[in-house]
Amino acid sequence: MPHSRPSLLEIVDRNEATAASNLGLPELPRRSVESVLLRAQAGGTHLLYGYINWGTKQFLPTRCDPEELPDHAYLWNKPRKDATVASGPVDILGTDGAVIPIETEILRNDGKVYLTTAEVTVSDGSATLEVEADEAGAAGNASAGTSLTLAAPIAGVQSTALVAAAGIDGGFDIEDEEDWRGRIVERVQKTPHGGNVTDFEMWAKEVPGVTRAWAYKNYFEASSKQVGVAFVCDDAEGGPIPTSEKVDEVLVYLDSVCSATAHPVPFAPTAKTIDFDIRLTPDSIAVRAAVELELRDLLQREGKPDTTILLSHVREAISTAPGEYDFAMTGPDADIVIAKGEFPIFGSITWE
């Protein structure tokens, strides 16, 4: 039967009843020395019960406190994914021959610091610098066109620079505790089998930034040993579809952990944009925002390659939005079919 922690009052009553019985009394006098001592002892016992309750929750990664997750992670060889450093190109103007040294500091308007990773010489009036953030984390990502400023002037080089078209990306925060817990639980539930599809899915999710993965044997050729691994990065600034650099990173990692007889081929699924046409009652900014939140959550929960998102689930998501009383939806007008190589992306809502 499940363990139940008695209340402090229950422990006091139990102690006093036992003592009275042993003394041959119907009950202890209320202000007796025995009663005072038993109440003090009950407090300590109640704390011990609390510790036992806490301890039983730490045995399993599904219920343990965050502070205990590292022990479970060590046992199942699922370390937490560290934060990663954002990097990318920056364009700057200057006089031909001017040199920008390695580790030159460049600042963003909010004070974020970037460092150049190589010495560059200005040619044809400009130079492209490869930079990386001084600290790991998603805060280092910057979109194309973001303005940057040299921390110290350099002769022959303009003080301002712009993030190039490729952007500064690849920065991810340390893995969320609940995502980490989920990977540990998945490892407990899915025993490795030397390279089956679930192994490839778990391996792919060990790469920083990768949140979900789906593996398919013989995906590219019948009877081949190639294993297709589609994956997404839900927390990436540019959206969940991974970049070619992230695909290469996953390939390198999969090659390092899988057997020589298997040939992993990670790839970015094709984005399938899902748009909606909805008429709301009541139609307000707050209700619209609530409906959008519910639809995004639906795609997050059920969206994956090779699946069907039922139209009834879409209608249910809209109906559960706080403040919604009634609605009419003209699009989509059928179940949303996601092909094996596709991934659903929330597009837009047209409010009728």
Protein backbone atom coordinates (compact mmCIF):
# COMPACT_ATOMS: atom_id res chain seq x y z
CA MET A 1 0.00 0.00 0.00
CA PRO A 2 1.26 3.57 -0.57
CA HIS A 3 3.17 5.24 2.21
CA SER A 4 1.14 7.83 4.09
CA ARG A 5 2.73 10.44 6.29
CA PRO A 6 0.72 10.92 9.52
CA SER A 7 0.07 14.45 10.68
CA LEU A 8 1.74 15.86 13.79
CA LEU A 9 -1.53 15.67 15.71
CA GLU A 10 -2.00 12.01 14.74
CA ILE A 11 1.48 11.18 16.03
CA VAL A 12 0.81 13.04 19.31
CA ASP A 13 -2.50 11.19 19.82
CA ARG A 14 -0.84 7.86 19.01
CA ASN A 15 2.03 8.45 21.45
CA GLU A 16 -0.24 9.57 24.26
CA ALA A 17 -2.64 6.66 23.75
CA THR A 18 0.25 4.17 23.83
CA ALA A 19 1.77 5.74 26.97
CA ALA A 20 -1.61 5.86 28.77
CA SER A 21 -2.25 2.23 27.94
CA ASN A 22 1.16 1.19 29.28
CA LEU A 23 0.54 3.18 32.47
CA GLY A 24 -2.91 1.69 32.93
CA LEU A 25 -4.62 5.08 32.56
CA PRO A 26 -7.62 5.98 30.41
CA GLU A 27 -5.63 8.99 29.15
CA LEU A 28 -2.67 11.12 30.19
CA PRO A 29 -3.28 14.27 32.20
CA ARG A 30 -3.19 17.17 29.78
CA ARG A 31 -0.40 19.14 31.46
CA SER A 32 1.61 16.19 32.71
CA VAL A 33 5.36 15.87 32.21
CA GLU A 34 4.74 12.73 30.15
CA SER A 35 2.44 14.58 27.79
CA VAL A 36 4.96 17.39 27.26
CA LEU A 37 7.80 14.95 26.53
CA LEU A 38 5.68 12.90 24.16
CA ARG A 39 4.67 16.01 22.22
CA ALA A 40 8.33 17.00 21.85
CA GLN A 41 9.18 13.50 20.68
CA ALA A 42 6.28 13.59 18.20
CA GLY A 43 7.78 16.65 16.51
CA GLY A 44 11.01 14.78 15.79
CA THR A 45 9.09 11.75 14.54
CA HIS A 46 7.04 13.94 12.22
CA LEU A 47 10.24 15.35 10.72
CA LEU A 48 11.57 11.82 10.17
CA TYR A 49 8.38 10.87 8.35
CA GLY A 50 8.89 13.94 6.17
CA TYR A 51 12.43 12.86 5.34
CA ILE A 52 11.21 9.36 4.45
CA ASN A 53 8.59 10.85 2.16
CA TRP A 54 11.22 13.03 0.50
CA GLY A 55 13.58 10.09 0.14
CA THR A 56 11.04 7.85 -1.58
CA LYS A 57 10.54 10.51 -4.26
CA GLN A 58 14.25 10.54 -5.10
CA PHE A 59 14.41 6.88 -6.17
CA LEU A 60 12.95 7.59 -9.62
CA PRO A 61 13.91 10.32 -12.11
CA THR A 62 10.22 10.94 -12.80
CA ARG A 63 9.64 12.36 -9.31
CA CYS A 64 13.03 13.36 -7.92
CA ASP A 65 14.01 16.92 -7.06
CA PRO A 66 16.13 18.77 -9.65
CA GLU A 67 19.12 18.56 -7.29
CA GLU A 68 19.02 14.75 -7.54
CA LEU A 69 18.86 14.58 -11.35
CA PRO A 70 22.67 14.53 -11.80
CA ASP A 71 22.87 11.21 -9.92
CA HIS A 72 20.26 9.62 -12.16
CA ALA A 73 21.93 11.13 -15.21
CA TYR A 74 25.27 9.64 -14.17
CA LEU A 75 23.70 6.23 -13.61
CA TRP A 76 22.07 6.19 -17.06
CA ASN A 77 24.89 8.08 -18.84
CA LYS A 78 22.70 11.01 -19.85
CA PRO A 79 24.62 14.17 -18.88
CA ARG A 80 22.92 17.52 -19.15
CA LYS A 81 23.58 19.35 -22.41
CA ASP A 82 25.74 22.40 -21.81
CA ALA A 83 25.05 25.83 -23.21
CA THR A 84 26.67 26.51 -26.58
CA VAL A 85 28.39 29.61 -27.95
CA ALA A 86 26.81 31.61 -30.76
CA SER A 87 29.01 32.45 -33.74
CA GLY A 88 28.73 33.95 -37.20
CA PRO A 89 29.98 36.56 -39.67
CA VAL A 90 30.09 40.33 -39.23
CA ASP A 91 30.67 42.87 -42.02
CA ILE A 92 32.74 46.01 -41.40
CA LEU A 93 34.10 48.82 -43.58
CA GLY A 94 37.61 50.23 -43.55
CA THR A 95 40.72 51.27 -45.41
CA ASP A 96 42.52 48.62 -47.45
CA GLY A 97 45.37 47.09 -45.48
CA ALA A 98 43.93 47.88 -42.04
CA VAL A 99 44.14 44.87 -39.74
CA ILE A 100 41.53 43.72 -37.24
CA PRO A 101 43.39 41.53 -34.70
CA ILE A 102 42.15 38.22 -33.34
CA GLU A 103 40.05 38.51 -30.15
CA THR A 104 38.99 42.03 -30.98
CA GLU A 105 35.97 42.93 -28.82
CA ILE A 106 32.80 44.01 -30.60
CA LEU A 107 29.76 45.14 -28.61
CA ARG A 108 26.03 44.91 -29.21
CA ASN A 109 23.77 47.75 -28.06
CA ASP A 110 22.72 45.80 -24.97
CA GLY A 111 26.36 45.26 -23.94
CA LYS A 112 26.73 41.71 -25.28
CA VAL A 113 30.38 41.07 -26.16
CA TYR A 114 31.67 39.24 -29.25
CA LEU A 115 35.26 38.31 -30.04
CA THR A 116 36.83 37.86 -33.45
CA THR A 117 38.21 34.36 -33.98
CA ALA A 118 40.91 35.24 -36.53
CA GLU A 119 42.97 38.19 -37.70
CA VAL A 120 41.44 39.84 -40.79
CA THR A 121 42.82 42.45 -43.21
CA VAL A 122 40.49 44.94 -44.92
CA SER A 123 40.38 44.45 -48.69
CA ASP A 124 38.31 46.37 -51.27
CA GLY A 125 37.05 48.64 -48.51
CA SER A 126 35.48 45.95 -46.33
CA ALA A 127 36.12 42.84 -44.31
CA THR A 128 34.05 39.94 -43.01
CA LEU A 129 34.90 38.97 -39.46
CA GLU A 130 34.07 35.63 -37.88
CA VAL A 131 33.02 36.28 -34.29
CA GLU A 132 31.71 34.31 -31.36
CA ALA A 133 29.95 35.41 -28.20
CA ASP A 134 32.10 35.71 -25.10
CA GLU A 135 29.55 33.69 -23.11
CA ALA A 136 27.54 30.63 -24.05
CA GLY A 137 23.77 30.81 -24.34
CA ALA A 138 20.92 31.88 -26.60
CA ALA A 139 21.46 35.53 -25.62
CA GLY A 140 24.43 35.58 -27.99
CA ASN A 141 22.34 34.98 -31.10
CA ALA A 142 21.83 38.01 -33.34
CA SER A 143 19.83 38.39 -36.53
CA ALA A 144 21.21 39.74 -39.80
CA GLY A 145 21.58 43.52 -39.83
CA THR A 146 22.07 43.88 -36.08
CA SER A 147 24.34 46.84 -35.36
CA LEU A 148 27.61 46.24 -33.49
CA THR A 149 30.35 48.59 -32.32
CA LEU A 150 34.09 48.10 -31.80
CA ALA A 151 34.93 48.23 -28.10
CA ALA A 152 38.12 50.16 -28.92
CA PRO A 153 38.97 52.12 -32.11
CA ILE A 154 41.23 50.55 -34.73
CA ALA A 155 43.13 52.75 -37.17
CA GLY A 156 41.61 52.62 -40.65
CA VAL A 157 38.48 50.71 -39.55
CA GLN A 158 35.00 52.12 -39.00
CA SER A 159 33.71 51.75 -35.46
CA THR A 160 30.34 50.26 -36.48
CA ALA A 161 29.65 46.87 -38.04
CA LEU A 162 26.63 44.85 -39.08
CA VAL A 163 25.82 41.18 -38.57
CA ALA A 164 26.04 39.55 -42.00
CA ALA A 165 23.17 37.83 -43.80
CA ALA A 166 23.93 34.44 -42.24
CA GLY A 167 23.36 35.88 -38.76
CA ILE A 168 25.06 34.95 -35.51
CA ASP A 169 23.48 31.78 -34.28
CA GLY A 170 24.12 28.38 -32.73
CA GLY A 171 23.83 29.68 -29.18
CA PHE A 172 21.65 27.53 -26.93
CA ASP A 173 21.03 27.81 -23.20
CA ILE A 174 21.88 24.95 -20.87
CA GLU A 175 19.34 22.17 -21.28
CA ASP A 176 16.02 22.77 -19.52
CA GLU A 177 15.71 20.60 -16.40
CA GLU A 178 12.44 19.01 -17.50
CA ASP A 179 13.81 18.25 -20.98
CA TRP A 180 16.82 16.65 -19.31
CA ARG A 181 14.54 14.64 -17.02
CA GLY A 182 12.59 13.50 -20.09
CA ARG A 183 15.75 12.19 -21.80
CA ILE A 184 16.73 10.28 -18.66
CA VAL A 185 13.26 8.72 -18.37
CA GLU A 186 13.34 7.86 -22.08
CA ARG A 187 16.66 6.07 -21.58
CA VAL A 188 15.17 4.06 -18.68
CA GLN A 189 12.13 3.09 -20.73
CA LYS A 190 13.95 2.37 -24.00
CA THR A 191 16.85 -0.02 -23.54
CA PRO A 192 19.57 0.48 -26.20
CA HIS A 193 19.66 -2.27 -28.80
CA GLY A 194 22.92 -1.54 -30.56
CA GLY A 195 21.52 0.78 -33.19
CA ASN A 196 17.77 0.44 -33.61
CA VAL A 197 15.67 3.47 -34.52
CA THR A 198 15.06 4.53 -30.92
CA ASP A 199 18.82 4.53 -30.30
CA PHE A 200 19.35 6.99 -33.15
CA GLU A 201 16.57 9.22 -31.84
CA MET A 202 18.09 9.32 -28.35
CA TRP A 203 21.59 9.89 -29.71
CA ALA A 204 20.45 12.79 -31.88
CA LYS A 205 18.81 14.47 -28.87
CA GLU A 206 22.13 14.38 -27.02
CA VAL A 207 23.42 17.12 -29.37
CA PRO A 208 22.96 20.62 -27.88
CA GLY A 209 19.92 22.35 -29.32
CA VAL A 210 18.24 19.20 -30.67
CA THR A 211 14.89 18.71 -28.92
CA ARG A 212 13.10 16.06 -30.99
CA ALA A 213 14.19 13.40 -33.49
CA TRP A 214 12.67 10.64 -35.61
CA ALA A 215 14.69 7.83 -37.17
CA TYR A 216 13.78 5.63 -40.15
CA LYS A 217 15.62 2.54 -41.31
CA ASN A 218 16.23 2.24 -45.06
CA TYR A 219 14.79 5.72 -45.47
CA PHE A 220 16.77 6.69 -48.56
CA GLU A 221 17.23 3.32 -50.24
CA ALA A 222 15.44 0.02 -49.87
CA SER A 223 17.58 -2.67 -48.23
CA SER A 224 20.36 -0.16 -47.47
CA LYS A 225 21.99 0.33 -44.09
CA GLN A 226 21.30 4.03 -44.14
CA VAL A 227 19.23 5.36 -41.24
CA GLY A 228 17.44 8.62 -41.91
CA VAL A 229 17.28 10.86 -38.83
CA ALA A 230 14.97 13.86 -39.04
CA PHE A 231 15.29 16.29 -36.15
CA VAL A 232 14.24 19.77 -35.04
CA CYS A 233 15.53 22.44 -32.68
CA ASP A 234 12.41 23.89 -31.03
CA ASP A 235 14.30 26.56 -29.11
CA ALA A 236 16.38 27.89 -31.99
CA GLU A 237 15.95 31.61 -32.67
CA GLY A 238 15.41 31.05 -36.38
CA GLY A 239 12.72 28.40 -35.90
CA PRO A 240 12.72 24.64 -35.35
CA ILE A 241 14.01 23.59 -38.78
CA PRO A 242 17.76 23.00 -38.26
CA THR A 243 20.48 24.73 -40.23
CA SER A 244 22.92 22.85 -42.45
CA GLU A 245 25.60 23.47 -39.82
CA LYS A 246 23.47 21.76 -37.18
CA VAL A 247 22.83 18.83 -39.55
CA ASP A 248 26.59 18.44 -39.98
CA GLU A 249 27.08 18.60 -36.21
CA VAL A 250 24.51 15.85 -35.64
CA LEU A 251 26.14 13.70 -38.34
CA VAL A 252 29.55 13.99 -36.69
CA TYR A 253 28.07 13.01 -33.32
CA LEU A 254 26.04 10.09 -34.67
CA ASP A 255 29.10 8.75 -36.48
CA SER A 256 30.99 8.85 -33.18
CA VAL A 257 28.47 6.81 -31.20
CA CYS A 258 26.82 4.36 -33.62
CA SER A 259 28.22 1.09 -34.91
CA ALA A 260 30.29 0.92 -38.06
CA THR A 261 27.63 -1.18 -39.79
CA ALA A 262 25.02 1.60 -39.71
CA HIS A 263 25.16 4.77 -41.78
CA PRO A 264 23.21 7.63 -40.17
CA VAL A 265 21.95 10.34 -42.49
CA PRO A 266 20.56 13.21 -40.41
CA PHE A 267 18.46 15.73 -42.28
CA ALA A 268 16.27 18.76 -41.72
CA PRO A 269 12.60 18.01 -42.43
CA THR A 270 10.79 20.20 -44.91
CA ALA A 271 8.65 22.85 -43.26
CA LYS A 272 4.90 22.45 -43.84
CA THR A 273 3.30 25.76 -42.93
CA ILE A 274 -0.15 25.47 -41.36
CA ASP A 275 -2.45 28.50 -41.77
CA PHE A 276 -5.85 28.98 -40.16
CA ASP A 277 -9.01 30.93 -41.07
CA ILE A 278 -11.16 31.54 -38.00
CA ARG A 279 -14.14 33.68 -36.99
CA LEU A 280 -14.39 34.13 -33.22
CA THR A 281 -17.15 34.97 -30.81
CA PRO A 282 -16.34 37.11 -28.92
CA ASP A 283 -13.67 38.55 -31.18
CA SER A 284 -11.12 40.38 -29.02
CA ILE A 285 -7.36 40.73 -28.83
CA ALA A 286 -7.23 38.62 -25.67
CA VAL A 287 -9.29 35.77 -27.10
CA ARG A 288 -7.32 35.83 -30.35
CA ALA A 289 -4.07 35.56 -28.40
CA ALA A 290 -5.48 32.66 -26.36
CA VAL A 291 -6.57 30.79 -29.49
CA GLU A 292 -3.17 31.26 -31.11
CA LEU A 293 -1.45 29.97 -27.97
CA GLU A 294 -3.62 26.84 -27.96
CA LEU A 295 -2.99 26.16 -31.64
CA ARG A 296 0.75 26.57 -31.23
CA ASP A 297 0.62 24.19 -28.27
CA LEU A 298 -1.30 21.64 -30.37
CA LEU A 299 1.34 21.69 -33.10
CA GLN A 300 4.04 21.38 -30.45
CA ARG A 301 2.37 18.33 -28.88
CA GLU A 302 1.22 16.47 -31.97
CA GLY A 303 3.38 17.88 -34.73
CA LYS A 304 5.94 15.48 -36.16
CA PRO A 305 6.82 13.85 -39.48
CA ASP A 306 4.62 11.06 -40.83
CA THR A 307 1.49 11.81 -38.83
CA THR A 308 -1.99 13.26 -39.09
CA ILE A 309 -3.29 16.06 -36.91
CA LEU A 310 -7.01 15.48 -36.69
CA LEU A 311 -9.33 18.34 -37.53
CA SER A 312 -11.30 17.50 -34.39
CA HIS A 313 -8.15 18.17 -32.33
CA VAL A 314 -7.76 21.56 -34.00
CA ARG A 315 -11.35 22.43 -33.14
CA GLU A 316 -10.86 21.19 -29.59
CA ALA A 317 -7.78 23.39 -29.17
CA ILE A 318 -9.72 26.47 -30.25
CA SER A 319 -12.62 25.60 -27.95
CA THR A 320 -10.36 25.31 -24.90
CA ALA A 321 -9.00 28.85 -25.33
CA PRO A 322 -10.02 31.00 -22.34
CA GLY A 323 -12.75 33.47 -23.27
CA GLU A 324 -13.86 31.65 -26.44
CA TYR A 325 -17.63 31.14 -26.64
CA ASP A 326 -18.13 30.10 -30.28
CA PHE A 327 -16.14 29.97 -33.52
CA ALA A 328 -16.31 29.06 -37.18
CA MET A 329 -13.27 27.73 -39.06
CA THR A 330 -12.99 27.61 -42.83
CA GLY A 331 -9.37 26.53 -42.94
CA PRO A 332 -8.11 23.96 -42.63
CA ASP A 333 -11.22 22.05 -43.63
CA ALA A 334 -9.75 18.54 -43.31
CA ASP A 335 -7.28 16.56 -41.24
CA ILE A 336 -3.74 17.91 -41.56
CA VAL A 337 -1.56 15.21 -43.14
CA ILE A 338 2.18 15.52 -42.47
CA ALA A 339 4.40 13.47 -44.77
CA LYS A 340 7.38 11.48 -43.53
CA GLY A 341 9.90 14.15 -44.51
CA GLU A 342 7.82 17.13 -43.36
CA PHE A 343 7.39 19.03 -40.12
CA PRO A 344 4.41 21.28 -39.30
CA ILE A 345 5.16 24.95 -38.68
CA PHE A 346 2.61 27.41 -37.33
CA GLY A 347 1.96 29.96 -40.07
CA SER A 348 -0.68 32.61 -39.53
CA ILE A 349 -4.32 33.08 -38.59
CA THR A 350 -6.69 35.02 -40.79
CA TRP A 351 -9.40 36.46 -38.54
CA GLU A 352 -12.65 36.73 -40.44
